[in-house]
Protein backbone atom coordinates (compact mmCIF):
# COMPACT_ATOMS: atom_id res chain seq x y z
CA UNK A 1 61.28 90.75 185.57
CA UNK A 2 61.30 92.33 182.12
CA UNK A 3 62.67 89.17 180.50
CA UNK A 4 59.93 87.15 182.15
CA UNK A 5 57.29 89.60 180.93
CA UNK A 6 58.56 89.60 177.35
CA UNK A 7 59.19 85.86 177.17
CA UNK A 8 57.32 84.10 174.35
CA UNK A 9 54.77 81.60 175.56
CA UNK A 10 54.27 78.43 173.53
CA UNK A 11 50.65 78.12 174.57
CA UNK A 12 48.30 80.19 172.47
CA UNK A 13 44.71 81.17 172.79
CA UNK A 14 42.27 78.43 171.97
CA UNK A 15 40.49 80.20 169.13
CA UNK A 16 40.43 78.55 165.72
CA UNK A 17 41.89 81.63 164.00
CA UNK A 18 44.98 81.79 166.22
CA UNK A 19 45.51 78.04 165.94
CA UNK A 20 45.28 78.21 162.14
CA UNK A 21 47.70 81.11 161.94
CA UNK A 22 50.20 79.33 164.19
CA UNK A 23 49.98 76.17 162.07
CA UNK A 24 50.63 78.17 158.90
CA UNK A 25 53.61 79.91 160.52
CA UNK A 26 55.07 76.60 161.66
CA UNK A 27 54.54 75.15 158.17
CA UNK A 28 56.34 78.11 156.59
CA UNK A 29 59.23 77.70 159.02
CA UNK A 30 59.53 74.00 158.14
CA UNK A 31 59.46 74.81 154.42
CA UNK A 32 62.17 77.47 154.87
CA UNK A 33 64.37 75.07 156.84
CA UNK A 34 63.88 72.41 154.16
CA UNK A 35 64.76 74.85 151.37
CA UNK A 36 67.87 76.05 153.22
CA UNK A 37 68.96 72.48 153.92
CA UNK A 38 68.49 71.31 150.33
CA UNK A 39 70.20 74.34 148.80
CA UNK A 40 73.03 74.10 151.33
CA UNK A 41 73.63 70.45 150.51
CA UNK A 42 73.45 71.15 146.76
CA UNK A 43 75.86 74.08 147.12
CA UNK A 44 78.25 71.99 149.16
CA UNK A 45 78.13 69.21 146.58
CA UNK A 46 78.83 71.61 143.70
CA UNK A 47 81.60 73.25 145.72
CA UNK A 48 83.23 69.91 146.50
CA UNK A 49 82.95 68.88 142.86
CA UNK A 50 84.54 72.16 141.77
CA UNK A 51 87.41 71.78 144.22
CA UNK A 52 88.06 68.22 143.08
CA UNK A 53 87.86 69.25 139.43
CA UNK A 54 90.18 72.25 139.80
CA UNK A 55 92.62 71.01 142.43
CA UNK A 56 94.82 69.07 140.02
CA UNK A 57 95.17 71.92 137.52
CA UNK A 58 95.71 74.49 140.28
CA UNK A 59 98.35 72.27 141.89
CA UNK A 60 100.22 72.05 138.60
CA UNK A 61 99.96 75.82 138.15
CA UNK A 62 101.28 76.56 141.64
CA UNK A 63 104.21 74.17 141.36
CA UNK A 64 105.12 75.45 137.91
CA UNK A 65 104.81 79.14 138.82
CA UNK A 66 106.98 81.31 140.98
CA UNK A 67 105.81 81.27 144.61
CA UNK A 68 105.96 85.05 145.10
CA UNK A 69 103.25 86.07 142.58
CA UNK A 70 100.98 83.24 143.74
CA UNK A 71 101.36 84.17 147.41
CA UNK A 72 100.83 87.86 146.64
CA UNK A 73 97.67 87.01 144.71
CA UNK A 74 96.37 84.93 147.61
CA UNK A 75 97.12 87.65 150.16
CA UNK A 76 95.54 90.25 147.88
CA UNK A 77 92.43 88.13 147.47
CA UNK A 78 92.17 87.61 151.22
CA UNK A 79 92.59 91.35 151.85
CA UNK A 80 89.93 92.19 149.24
CA UNK A 81 87.48 89.70 150.75
CA UNK A 82 88.17 91.04 154.26
CA UNK A 83 87.47 94.58 153.00
CA UNK A 84 84.37 93.46 151.11
CA UNK A 85 82.87 91.57 154.06
CA UNK A 86 84.00 93.89 156.85
CA UNK A 87 80.43 94.65 157.92
CA UNK A 88 79.57 90.98 158.24
CA UNK A 89 82.71 90.27 160.23
CA UNK A 90 82.03 93.13 162.65
CA UNK A 91 78.40 92.06 163.05
CA UNK A 92 79.26 88.47 163.94
CA UNK A 93 81.86 89.08 166.46
């Protein structure tokens, strides 16, 4: 019963003020989604370019270096990131 009472109704009052406000809110939501989409695509493109640019030199470094320091650095980096983002990980699941 409580969920039914608190449920958001898509139909709004027929006054011009409420209709205008709802249109502005919907416009802002579309603009936010567009901004997030464009920046996400741009970030993904820059990330992919960076990976492609650095993968060859990192591959040469890893094959030329001793495996122990490289693996310790990777594990240390993963542990640091897990510590740094522990709140986000606990919040998402």
